[in-house]
N, C-alpha and C. Protein backbone atom coordinates (compact mmCIF):
# COMPACT_ATOMS: atom_id res chain seq x y z
N MET A 1 -14.39 14.01 7.52
CA MET A 1 -13.36 12.99 7.41
C MET A 1 -13.66 12.09 6.21
N GLN A 2 -12.60 11.76 5.49
CA GLN A 2 -12.75 10.93 4.30
C GLN A 2 -12.89 9.46 4.70
N ALA A 3 -13.72 8.72 3.98
CA ALA A 3 -13.91 7.30 4.26
C ALA A 3 -12.65 6.51 3.93
N LEU A 4 -12.40 5.46 4.70
CA LEU A 4 -11.25 4.61 4.43
C LEU A 4 -11.50 3.79 3.17
N LYS A 5 -10.51 3.76 2.30
CA LYS A 5 -10.64 3.02 1.05
C LYS A 5 -9.69 1.84 1.08
N LYS A 6 -10.15 0.70 0.55
CA LYS A 6 -9.29 -0.47 0.47
C LYS A 6 -8.33 -0.30 -0.70
N SER A 7 -7.10 -0.69 -0.48
CA SER A 7 -6.09 -0.56 -1.52
C SER A 7 -5.58 -1.94 -1.88
N ARG A 8 -5.25 -2.13 -3.13
CA ARG A 8 -4.68 -3.41 -3.54
C ARG A 8 -3.17 -3.36 -3.54
N ILE A 9 -2.62 -2.24 -3.12
CA ILE A 9 -1.17 -2.11 -2.97
C ILE A 9 -0.87 -2.24 -1.49
N LYS A 10 0.10 -3.09 -1.16
CA LYS A 10 0.43 -3.38 0.23
C LYS A 10 1.87 -2.98 0.54
N LYS A 11 2.17 -2.89 1.81
CA LYS A 11 3.52 -2.60 2.27
C LYS A 11 4.46 -3.71 1.78
N GLY A 12 5.61 -3.32 1.23
CA GLY A 12 6.58 -4.28 0.74
C GLY A 12 6.50 -4.54 -0.76
N ASP A 13 5.42 -4.10 -1.41
CA ASP A 13 5.28 -4.25 -2.86
C ASP A 13 6.26 -3.34 -3.59
N THR A 14 6.64 -3.71 -4.79
CA THR A 14 7.44 -2.85 -5.65
C THR A 14 6.49 -2.17 -6.62
N VAL A 15 6.55 -0.83 -6.65
CA VAL A 15 5.64 -0.07 -7.50
C VAL A 15 6.42 0.84 -8.45
N VAL A 16 5.74 1.26 -9.52
CA VAL A 16 6.29 2.20 -10.49
C VAL A 16 5.42 3.44 -10.47
N VAL A 17 6.04 4.61 -10.46
CA VAL A 17 5.29 5.86 -10.50
C VAL A 17 4.89 6.12 -11.96
N ILE A 18 3.60 6.35 -12.19
CA ILE A 18 3.11 6.51 -13.56
C ILE A 18 2.82 7.95 -13.93
N SER A 19 2.81 8.86 -12.95
CA SER A 19 2.60 10.27 -13.28
C SER A 19 3.24 11.15 -12.22
N GLY A 20 3.54 12.37 -12.64
CA GLY A 20 4.14 13.33 -11.72
C GLY A 20 5.63 13.47 -11.93
N ARG A 21 6.26 14.16 -11.01
CA ARG A 21 7.68 14.48 -11.10
C ARG A 21 8.57 13.24 -11.10
N GLU A 22 8.15 12.20 -10.42
CA GLU A 22 8.96 10.99 -10.28
C GLU A 22 8.57 9.90 -11.29
N ARG A 23 7.87 10.27 -12.37
CA ARG A 23 7.37 9.30 -13.35
C ARG A 23 8.48 8.40 -13.89
N GLY A 24 8.19 7.09 -13.95
CA GLY A 24 9.15 6.13 -14.49
C GLY A 24 10.03 5.48 -13.45
N LYS A 25 10.11 6.05 -12.26
CA LYS A 25 10.96 5.49 -11.21
C LYS A 25 10.18 4.44 -10.43
N SER A 26 10.92 3.50 -9.84
CA SER A 26 10.26 2.46 -9.06
C SER A 26 10.92 2.35 -7.69
N GLY A 27 10.18 1.77 -6.77
CA GLY A 27 10.70 1.60 -5.42
C GLY A 27 9.77 0.71 -4.61
N LYS A 28 10.20 0.43 -3.39
CA LYS A 28 9.47 -0.45 -2.48
C LYS A 28 8.54 0.40 -1.61
N VAL A 29 7.32 -0.08 -1.40
CA VAL A 29 6.35 0.64 -0.57
C VAL A 29 6.73 0.48 0.90
N LEU A 30 6.91 1.62 1.59
CA LEU A 30 7.25 1.60 3.01
C LEU A 30 5.99 1.58 3.87
N SER A 31 4.96 2.31 3.44
CA SER A 31 3.70 2.31 4.18
C SER A 31 2.57 2.77 3.27
N VAL A 32 1.34 2.35 3.64
CA VAL A 32 0.14 2.72 2.90
C VAL A 32 -0.78 3.46 3.87
N HIS A 33 -1.31 4.61 3.46
CA HIS A 33 -2.22 5.40 4.27
C HIS A 33 -3.60 5.40 3.61
N PRO A 34 -4.48 4.45 3.96
CA PRO A 34 -5.77 4.34 3.28
C PRO A 34 -6.69 5.54 3.51
N GLY A 35 -6.58 6.19 4.65
CA GLY A 35 -7.44 7.34 4.95
C GLY A 35 -7.22 8.50 4.01
N THR A 36 -5.97 8.70 3.59
CA THR A 36 -5.65 9.81 2.68
C THR A 36 -5.37 9.31 1.27
N ALA A 37 -5.45 8.01 1.04
CA ALA A 37 -5.18 7.38 -0.26
C ALA A 37 -3.78 7.73 -0.76
N LYS A 38 -2.78 7.57 0.11
CA LYS A 38 -1.40 7.86 -0.26
C LYS A 38 -0.49 6.71 0.13
N VAL A 39 0.66 6.62 -0.55
CA VAL A 39 1.66 5.60 -0.22
C VAL A 39 3.02 6.29 -0.05
N LEU A 40 3.85 5.69 0.78
CA LEU A 40 5.20 6.18 1.00
C LEU A 40 6.14 5.19 0.30
N VAL A 41 6.90 5.67 -0.69
CA VAL A 41 7.76 4.81 -1.49
C VAL A 41 9.22 5.14 -1.19
N GLU A 42 10.01 4.10 -0.99
CA GLU A 42 11.42 4.24 -0.63
C GLU A 42 12.20 5.05 -1.67
N LYS A 43 12.90 6.08 -1.22
CA LYS A 43 13.79 6.92 -2.03
C LYS A 43 13.10 7.70 -3.15
N LEU A 44 11.75 7.86 -3.08
CA LEU A 44 11.04 8.65 -4.07
C LEU A 44 10.29 9.79 -3.40
N ASN A 45 10.10 10.88 -4.15
CA ASN A 45 9.40 12.07 -3.67
C ASN A 45 10.08 12.62 -2.41
N MET A 46 11.39 12.77 -2.49
CA MET A 46 12.17 13.25 -1.35
C MET A 46 11.90 14.73 -1.09
N ILE A 47 11.74 15.07 0.20
CA ILE A 47 11.56 16.46 0.60
C ILE A 47 12.58 16.80 1.66
N LYS A 48 12.78 18.09 1.90
CA LYS A 48 13.71 18.54 2.93
C LYS A 48 12.91 19.19 4.05
N ARG A 49 13.15 18.75 5.27
CA ARG A 49 12.49 19.28 6.45
C ARG A 49 13.52 19.99 7.31
N HIS A 50 13.21 21.21 7.72
CA HIS A 50 14.09 21.93 8.63
C HIS A 50 13.64 21.59 10.05
N THR A 51 14.51 20.94 10.82
CA THR A 51 14.12 20.48 12.15
C THR A 51 15.00 21.09 13.23
N LYS A 52 14.37 21.33 14.37
CA LYS A 52 15.10 21.81 15.54
C LYS A 52 15.65 20.59 16.28
N PRO A 53 16.73 20.77 17.02
CA PRO A 53 17.23 19.65 17.83
C PRO A 53 16.18 19.27 18.88
N ASN A 54 15.97 17.96 19.08
CA ASN A 54 15.05 17.47 20.12
C ASN A 54 15.58 16.13 20.61
N PRO A 55 14.93 15.52 21.60
CA PRO A 55 15.45 14.24 22.11
C PRO A 55 15.61 13.14 21.05
N LYS A 56 14.72 13.12 20.04
CA LYS A 56 14.84 12.12 18.98
C LYS A 56 15.99 12.46 18.04
N VAL A 57 16.04 13.72 17.60
CA VAL A 57 17.07 14.16 16.66
C VAL A 57 17.99 15.12 17.40
N ARG A 58 19.14 14.63 17.84
CA ARG A 58 20.06 15.47 18.61
C ARG A 58 20.58 16.63 17.77
N GLN A 59 20.94 16.31 16.52
CA GLN A 59 21.47 17.33 15.62
C GLN A 59 20.31 17.91 14.82
N GLY A 60 20.07 19.19 14.95
CA GLY A 60 19.04 19.84 14.14
C GLY A 60 19.58 20.08 12.74
N GLY A 61 18.80 20.67 11.88
CA GLY A 61 19.26 20.99 10.54
C GLY A 61 18.27 20.54 9.49
N ILE A 62 18.76 20.33 8.30
CA ILE A 62 17.91 19.95 7.18
C ILE A 62 17.93 18.43 7.05
N VAL A 63 16.76 17.82 7.17
CA VAL A 63 16.63 16.37 7.10
C VAL A 63 15.87 16.02 5.82
N GLU A 64 16.42 15.10 5.02
CA GLU A 64 15.74 14.65 3.81
C GLU A 64 14.97 13.38 4.11
N ARG A 65 13.70 13.34 3.68
CA ARG A 65 12.90 12.14 3.88
C ARG A 65 11.86 12.03 2.77
N GLU A 66 11.20 10.86 2.70
CA GLU A 66 10.19 10.62 1.68
C GLU A 66 8.88 11.29 2.06
N ALA A 67 8.17 11.79 1.06
CA ALA A 67 6.83 12.33 1.26
C ALA A 67 5.84 11.38 0.58
N PRO A 68 4.61 11.31 1.09
CA PRO A 68 3.63 10.41 0.49
C PRO A 68 3.26 10.81 -0.94
N LEU A 69 3.01 9.80 -1.77
CA LEU A 69 2.53 9.98 -3.14
C LEU A 69 1.06 9.54 -3.20
N PRO A 70 0.25 10.16 -4.04
CA PRO A 70 -1.12 9.66 -4.20
C PRO A 70 -1.10 8.24 -4.75
N ILE A 71 -1.95 7.40 -4.20
CA ILE A 71 -1.96 5.99 -4.59
C ILE A 71 -2.36 5.82 -6.05
N SER A 72 -3.08 6.80 -6.61
CA SER A 72 -3.48 6.72 -8.01
C SER A 72 -2.30 6.98 -8.95
N ASN A 73 -1.21 7.50 -8.43
CA ASN A 73 -0.04 7.80 -9.26
C ASN A 73 0.96 6.64 -9.33
N VAL A 74 0.65 5.51 -8.67
CA VAL A 74 1.57 4.37 -8.70
C VAL A 74 0.84 3.12 -9.19
N MET A 75 1.60 2.23 -9.83
CA MET A 75 1.07 0.93 -10.26
C MET A 75 2.03 -0.16 -9.79
N LEU A 76 1.47 -1.29 -9.47
CA LEU A 76 2.27 -2.43 -9.02
C LEU A 76 3.14 -2.94 -10.16
N LEU A 77 4.36 -3.33 -9.84
CA LEU A 77 5.28 -3.90 -10.83
C LEU A 77 5.04 -5.41 -10.84
N CYS A 78 4.65 -5.94 -11.99
CA CYS A 78 4.37 -7.38 -12.11
C CYS A 78 5.65 -8.17 -11.89
N PRO A 79 5.66 -9.14 -10.99
CA PRO A 79 6.88 -9.91 -10.73
C PRO A 79 7.33 -10.75 -11.93
N ALA A 80 6.39 -11.16 -12.79
CA ALA A 80 6.73 -12.01 -13.92
C ALA A 80 7.27 -11.21 -15.11
N THR A 81 6.59 -10.10 -15.46
CA THR A 81 6.95 -9.36 -16.66
C THR A 81 7.78 -8.12 -16.39
N GLN A 82 7.88 -7.71 -15.12
CA GLN A 82 8.61 -6.49 -14.73
C GLN A 82 8.04 -5.25 -15.41
N LYS A 83 6.71 -5.23 -15.62
CA LYS A 83 6.02 -4.07 -16.18
C LYS A 83 4.90 -3.66 -15.24
N PRO A 84 4.47 -2.40 -15.29
CA PRO A 84 3.35 -1.98 -14.44
C PRO A 84 2.08 -2.75 -14.81
N THR A 85 1.31 -3.12 -13.79
CA THR A 85 0.09 -3.88 -14.03
C THR A 85 -0.98 -3.50 -13.03
N ARG A 86 -2.23 -3.73 -13.41
CA ARG A 86 -3.33 -3.57 -12.47
C ARG A 86 -3.41 -4.84 -11.63
N VAL A 87 -4.10 -4.74 -10.50
CA VAL A 87 -4.18 -5.85 -9.57
C VAL A 87 -5.62 -6.31 -9.45
N GLY A 88 -5.83 -7.61 -9.53
CA GLY A 88 -7.16 -8.19 -9.35
C GLY A 88 -7.15 -9.16 -8.18
N ILE A 89 -8.31 -9.58 -7.76
CA ILE A 89 -8.45 -10.55 -6.68
C ILE A 89 -9.00 -11.84 -7.27
N LYS A 90 -8.38 -12.96 -6.93
CA LYS A 90 -8.83 -14.26 -7.43
C LYS A 90 -9.09 -15.17 -6.24
N VAL A 91 -10.21 -15.88 -6.27
CA VAL A 91 -10.53 -16.83 -5.21
C VAL A 91 -10.01 -18.19 -5.63
N MET A 92 -9.14 -18.77 -4.82
CA MET A 92 -8.54 -20.07 -5.12
C MET A 92 -9.53 -21.18 -4.79
N ASP A 93 -9.19 -22.42 -5.18
CA ASP A 93 -10.06 -23.58 -4.95
C ASP A 93 -10.30 -23.83 -3.46
N ASP A 94 -9.28 -23.55 -2.63
CA ASP A 94 -9.42 -23.80 -1.19
C ASP A 94 -10.07 -22.63 -0.46
N GLY A 95 -10.56 -21.62 -1.19
CA GLY A 95 -11.28 -20.51 -0.57
C GLY A 95 -10.43 -19.28 -0.27
N ARG A 96 -9.10 -19.39 -0.45
CA ARG A 96 -8.22 -18.24 -0.20
C ARG A 96 -8.43 -17.19 -1.27
N ARG A 97 -8.29 -15.93 -0.87
CA ARG A 97 -8.33 -14.82 -1.84
C ARG A 97 -6.90 -14.34 -2.03
N VAL A 98 -6.42 -14.31 -3.26
CA VAL A 98 -5.06 -13.86 -3.54
C VAL A 98 -5.09 -12.73 -4.57
N ARG A 99 -4.10 -11.85 -4.45
CA ARG A 99 -3.96 -10.80 -5.46
C ARG A 99 -3.30 -11.40 -6.68
N MET A 100 -3.73 -10.94 -7.85
CA MET A 100 -3.14 -11.46 -9.09
C MET A 100 -2.88 -10.31 -10.05
N SER A 101 -1.87 -10.50 -10.88
CA SER A 101 -1.53 -9.52 -11.90
C SER A 101 -2.51 -9.67 -13.05
N LYS A 102 -3.12 -8.56 -13.48
CA LYS A 102 -4.06 -8.61 -14.59
C LYS A 102 -3.34 -8.90 -15.89
N GLN A 103 -2.03 -8.57 -15.95
CA GLN A 103 -1.27 -8.74 -17.18
C GLN A 103 -0.86 -10.20 -17.38
N SER A 104 -0.24 -10.80 -16.37
CA SER A 104 0.28 -12.15 -16.53
C SER A 104 -0.59 -13.23 -15.90
N GLN A 105 -1.67 -12.83 -15.22
CA GLN A 105 -2.59 -13.77 -14.55
C GLN A 105 -1.89 -14.62 -13.49
N GLN A 106 -0.79 -14.13 -12.93
CA GLN A 106 -0.08 -14.88 -11.89
C GLN A 106 -0.34 -14.27 -10.52
N ALA A 107 -0.30 -15.09 -9.49
CA ALA A 107 -0.53 -14.62 -8.12
C ALA A 107 0.65 -13.76 -7.67
N ILE A 108 0.33 -12.76 -6.87
CA ILE A 108 1.35 -11.86 -6.31
C ILE A 108 1.52 -12.20 -4.85
N GLU A 109 2.73 -12.49 -4.46
CA GLU A 109 3.01 -12.85 -3.06
C GLU A 109 3.51 -11.67 -2.29
């Protein structure tokens, strides 16, 4: 089993894909899977699943949904500059730890 890795990308962040088939596209993070180092991004990396009818899905058929992307293939979109940026951690005067954009040096909420 792979060790859990801490990620600086969180659910709800806006990210840009920097490599692969979806390069250049951006979307909102739906979930982060630290065990596999993957993220699920809204409307990106769409796949088709052939499903049988079951209690959850009454109508069987082909269902389109998002597939996880490797976390190394996405970068956070800086809220100030609207460009991809790396994420750092900054300790505030009151002891809080906040994520900050390495590009604009501003806190990310």
